[in-house]
Amino acid sequence: MVHLRSLKINLLLFFLFSCSFPEKNCEKFKIGNFEFKTEIDGTEYISYFQRTDSTEIEVFNGVTDTSSVRWVSDCEFILKNINPKKSKKSITMKILSTDSDSYMFEYSIVGDDSNKKRGKVFLTD
């Protein structure tokens, strides 16, 4: 009985320590210049943006948008459009994993968890 219990504990510890969790060094991506590629109706578009601790300026398809940035945790922030005020809906952004020059993220309109999308952003500086 004791041997079986010891085996169960060892198996549990093995599974816990053998699982690899994605790297998350979000601090590195809070400020900088970035690039995001997306496909819309079969056409690839590239968005460039510069983020400071409180503002993000994005150029997408020749149009510049400015949003406020509010970090709610080390790896999650909320974007609220400032100029132009085309949308009153804020977007929640959550960094899921990082590597040396990019991060995977998930985003959705605040309060709409049913329509989450994912993407990958590259650090350009």
C-alpha atoms as a PDB file:
ATOM      1  CA  MET A   1       0.000   0.000   0.000  1.00  0.00           C
ATOM      2  CA  VAL A   2       2.796   2.431   0.915  1.00  0.00           C
ATOM      3  CA  HIS A   3       4.711   1.461  -2.230  1.00  0.00           C
ATOM      4  CA  LEU A   4       1.675   2.189  -4.448  1.00  0.00           C
ATOM      5  CA  ARG A   5       1.180   5.591  -2.794  1.00  0.00           C
ATOM      6  CA  SER A   6       4.859   6.420  -3.305  1.00  0.00           C
ATOM      7  CA  LEU A   7       4.549   5.439  -6.975  1.00  0.00           C
ATOM      8  CA  LYS A   8       1.510   7.727  -7.413  1.00  0.00           C
ATOM      9  CA  ILE A   9       3.332  10.664  -5.836  1.00  0.00           C
ATOM     10  CA  ASN A  10       6.400  10.091  -8.013  1.00  0.00           C
ATOM     11  CA  LEU A  11       4.253   9.901 -11.158  1.00  0.00           C
ATOM     12  CA  LEU A  12       2.461  13.107 -10.200  1.00  0.00           C
ATOM     13  CA  LEU A  13       5.772  14.899  -9.600  1.00  0.00           C
ATOM     14  CA  PHE A  14       7.126  13.585 -12.900  1.00  0.00           C
ATOM     15  CA  PHE A  15       4.152  14.954 -14.851  1.00  0.00           C
ATOM     16  CA  LEU A  16       4.267  18.299 -13.080  1.00  0.00           C
ATOM     17  CA  PHE A  17       7.961  18.856 -13.738  1.00  0.00           C
ATOM     18  CA  SER A  18       7.991  17.431 -17.256  1.00  0.00           C
ATOM     19  CA  CYS A  19       5.349  19.877 -18.495  1.00  0.00           C
ATOM     20  CA  SER A  20       6.893  22.846 -20.207  1.00  0.00           C
ATOM     21  CA  PHE A  21       5.255  26.197 -19.863  1.00  0.00           C
ATOM     22  CA  PRO A  22       5.643  28.854 -22.549  1.00  0.00           C
ATOM     23  CA  GLU A  23       8.216  31.552 -21.865  1.00  0.00           C
ATOM     24  CA  LYS A  24       6.675  34.847 -20.780  1.00  0.00           C
ATOM     25  CA  ASN A  25       9.061  37.786 -20.618  1.00  0.00           C
ATOM     26  CA  CYS A  26       6.397  40.448 -21.177  1.00  0.00           C
ATOM     27  CA  GLU A  27       8.471  43.315 -19.755  1.00  0.00           C
ATOM     28  CA  LYS A  28      10.616  43.257 -22.892  1.00  0.00           C
ATOM     29  CA  PHE A  29       7.556  44.045 -25.058  1.00  0.00           C
ATOM     30  CA  LYS A  30       5.915  46.857 -23.102  1.00  0.00           C
ATOM     31  CA  ILE A  31       7.780  49.620 -24.962  1.00  0.00           C
ATOM     32  CA  GLY A  32       9.183  49.613 -28.494  1.00  0.00           C
ATOM     33  CA  ASN A  33       8.496  49.440 -32.209  1.00  0.00           C
ATOM     34  CA  PHE A  34       6.544  46.455 -33.506  1.00  0.00           C
ATOM     35  CA  GLU A  35       5.156  44.792 -36.639  1.00  0.00           C
ATOM     36  CA  PHE A  36       2.010  42.686 -36.979  1.00  0.00           C
ATOM     37  CA  LYS A  37       1.024  40.786 -40.131  1.00  0.00           C
ATOM     38  CA  THR A  38      -2.553  39.757 -40.750  1.00  0.00           C
ATOM     39  CA  GLU A  39      -4.551  38.342 -43.624  1.00  0.00           C
ATOM     40  CA  ILE A  40      -7.895  39.869 -44.567  1.00  0.00           C
ATOM     41  CA  ASP A  41      -9.901  38.321 -47.417  1.00  0.00           C
ATOM     42  CA  GLY A  42      -6.805  36.617 -48.820  1.00  0.00           C
ATOM     43  CA  THR A  43      -4.617  39.733 -48.772  1.00  0.00           C
ATOM     44  CA  GLU A  44      -1.723  40.142 -46.330  1.00  0.00           C
ATOM     45  CA  TYR A  45      -1.503  43.467 -44.499  1.00  0.00           C
ATOM     46  CA  ILE A  46       1.247  44.739 -42.224  1.00  0.00           C
ATOM     47  CA  SER A  47       0.582  47.003 -39.276  1.00  0.00           C
ATOM     48  CA  TYR A  48       3.415  48.955 -37.663  1.00  0.00           C
ATOM     49  CA  PHE A  49       3.089  50.415 -34.209  1.00  0.00           C
ATOM     50  CA  GLN A  50       5.094  52.187 -31.553  1.00  0.00           C
ATOM     51  CA  ARG A  51       4.195  51.637 -27.907  1.00  0.00           C
ATOM     52  CA  THR A  52       5.234  53.719 -24.908  1.00  0.00           C
ATOM     53  CA  ASP A  53       4.182  53.006 -21.335  1.00  0.00           C
ATOM     54  CA  SER A  54       0.832  54.768 -21.909  1.00  0.00           C
ATOM     55  CA  THR A  55       0.291  55.210 -25.683  1.00  0.00           C
ATOM     56  CA  GLU A  56       0.288  53.140 -28.843  1.00  0.00           C
ATOM     57  CA  ILE A  57       0.489  54.730 -32.310  1.00  0.00           C
ATOM     58  CA  GLU A  58      -0.362  52.347 -35.144  1.00  0.00           C
ATOM     59  CA  VAL A  59      -0.076  52.760 -38.908  1.00  0.00           C
ATOM     60  CA  PHE A  60      -2.282  50.298 -40.776  1.00  0.00           C
ATOM     61  CA  ASN A  61      -2.957  50.526 -44.505  1.00  0.00           C
ATOM     62  CA  GLY A  62      -1.864  54.180 -44.569  1.00  0.00           C
ATOM     63  CA  VAL A  63      -4.070  55.229 -41.634  1.00  0.00           C
ATOM     64  CA  THR A  64      -2.646  56.302 -38.266  1.00  0.00           C
ATOM     65  CA  ASP A  65      -4.533  55.501 -35.053  1.00  0.00           C
ATOM     66  CA  THR A  66      -3.598  56.453 -31.507  1.00  0.00           C
ATOM     67  CA  SER A  67      -4.723  54.457 -28.479  1.00  0.00           C
ATOM     68  CA  SER A  68      -4.146  54.718 -24.771  1.00  0.00           C
ATOM     69  CA  VAL A  69      -2.463  51.725 -23.122  1.00  0.00           C
ATOM     70  CA  ARG A  70      -3.422  50.615 -19.630  1.00  0.00           C
ATOM     71  CA  TRP A  71      -1.503  47.638 -18.259  1.00  0.00           C
ATOM     72  CA  VAL A  72      -3.665  45.530 -15.944  1.00  0.00           C
ATOM     73  CA  SER A  73      -0.962  42.918 -15.253  1.00  0.00           C
ATOM     74  CA  ASP A  74       2.572  42.144 -16.427  1.00  0.00           C
ATOM     75  CA  CYS A  75       1.259  40.467 -19.596  1.00  0.00           C
ATOM     76  CA  GLU A  76      -2.164  42.006 -20.173  1.00  0.00           C
ATOM     77  CA  PHE A  77      -3.244  45.483 -21.256  1.00  0.00           C
ATOM     78  CA  ILE A  78      -6.249  47.367 -22.563  1.00  0.00           C
ATOM     79  CA  LEU A  79      -6.213  49.592 -25.651  1.00  0.00           C
ATOM     80  CA  LYS A  80      -8.699  52.451 -25.886  1.00  0.00           C
ATOM     81  CA  ASN A  81      -8.905  54.396 -29.131  1.00  0.00           C
ATOM     82  CA  ILE A  82      -8.027  58.102 -28.708  1.00  0.00           C
ATOM     83  CA  ASN A  83      -7.626  59.456 -32.246  1.00  0.00           C
ATOM     84  CA  PRO A  84      -9.601  59.074 -34.388  1.00  0.00           C
ATOM     85  CA  LYS A  85     -12.464  58.150 -32.088  1.00  0.00           C
ATOM     86  CA  LYS A  86     -13.930  55.659 -34.506  1.00  0.00           C
ATOM     87  CA  SER A  87     -14.728  53.119 -31.806  1.00  0.00           C
ATOM     88  CA  LYS A  88     -15.701  53.482 -28.190  1.00  0.00           C
ATOM     89  CA  LYS A  89     -15.029  49.798 -27.530  1.00  0.00           C
ATOM     90  CA  SER A  90     -11.768  48.953 -25.815  1.00  0.00           C
ATOM     91  CA  ILE A  91      -9.678  45.924 -26.746  1.00  0.00           C
ATOM     92  CA  THR A  92      -8.073  43.611 -24.218  1.00  0.00           C
ATOM     93  CA  MET A  93      -4.681  42.209 -25.231  1.00  0.00           C
ATOM     94  CA  LYS A  94      -3.066  39.270 -23.452  1.00  0.00           C
ATOM     95  CA  ILE A  95       0.482  38.110 -24.176  1.00  0.00           C
ATOM     96  CA  LEU A  96       0.460  34.310 -24.149  1.00  0.00           C
ATOM     97  CA  SER A  97       4.125  33.538 -24.825  1.00  0.00           C
ATOM     98  CA  THR A  98       7.332  35.310 -25.814  1.00  0.00           C
ATOM     99  CA  ASP A  99      10.631  34.516 -27.451  1.00  0.00           C
ATOM    100  CA  SER A 100      13.659  36.629 -28.292  1.00  0.00           C
ATOM    101  CA  ASP A 101      11.994  38.993 -30.785  1.00  0.00           C
ATOM    102  CA  SER A 102       8.244  38.258 -30.808  1.00  0.00           C
ATOM    103  CA  TYR A 103       5.198  37.417 -28.767  1.00  0.00           C
ATOM    104  CA  MET A 104       1.986  35.479 -29.295  1.00  0.00           C
ATOM    105  CA  PHE A 105      -1.109  37.255 -28.083  1.00  0.00           C
ATOM    106  CA  GLU A 106      -4.854  36.912 -27.773  1.00  0.00           C
ATOM    107  CA  TYR A 107      -7.237  39.821 -28.183  1.00  0.00           C
ATOM    108  CA  SER A 108     -10.928  40.634 -28.046  1.00  0.00           C
ATOM    109  CA  ILE A 109     -13.300  43.474 -27.348  1.00  0.00           C
ATOM    110  CA  VAL A 110     -13.504  44.003 -23.584  1.00  0.00           C
ATOM    111  CA  GLY A 111     -16.386  41.910 -22.260  1.00  0.00           C
ATOM    112  CA  ASP A 112     -16.688  39.725 -25.386  1.00  0.00           C
ATOM    113  CA  ASP A 113     -14.748  36.580 -24.515  1.00  0.00           C
ATOM    114  CA  SER A 114     -16.640  34.587 -27.155  1.00  0.00           C
ATOM    115  CA  ASN A 115     -14.835  36.257 -30.068  1.00  0.00           C
ATOM    116  CA  LYS A 116     -11.134  35.996 -29.169  1.00  0.00           C
ATOM    117  CA  LYS A 117      -8.502  36.044 -31.891  1.00  0.00           C
ATOM    118  CA  ARG A 118      -4.767  35.339 -31.839  1.00  0.00           C
ATOM    119  CA  GLY A 119      -1.752  36.803 -33.548  1.00  0.00           C
ATOM    120  CA  LYS A 120       2.012  37.190 -33.438  1.00  0.00           C
ATOM    121  CA  VAL A 121       3.841  40.502 -33.071  1.00  0.00           C
ATOM    122  CA  PHE A 122       7.509  41.094 -33.913  1.00  0.00           C
ATOM    123  CA  LEU A 123       9.821  43.565 -32.209  1.00  0.00           C
ATOM    124  CA  THR A 124      11.495  45.714 -34.868  1.00  0.00           C
ATOM    125  CA  ASP A 125      14.044  47.759 -32.870  1.00  0.00           C
END
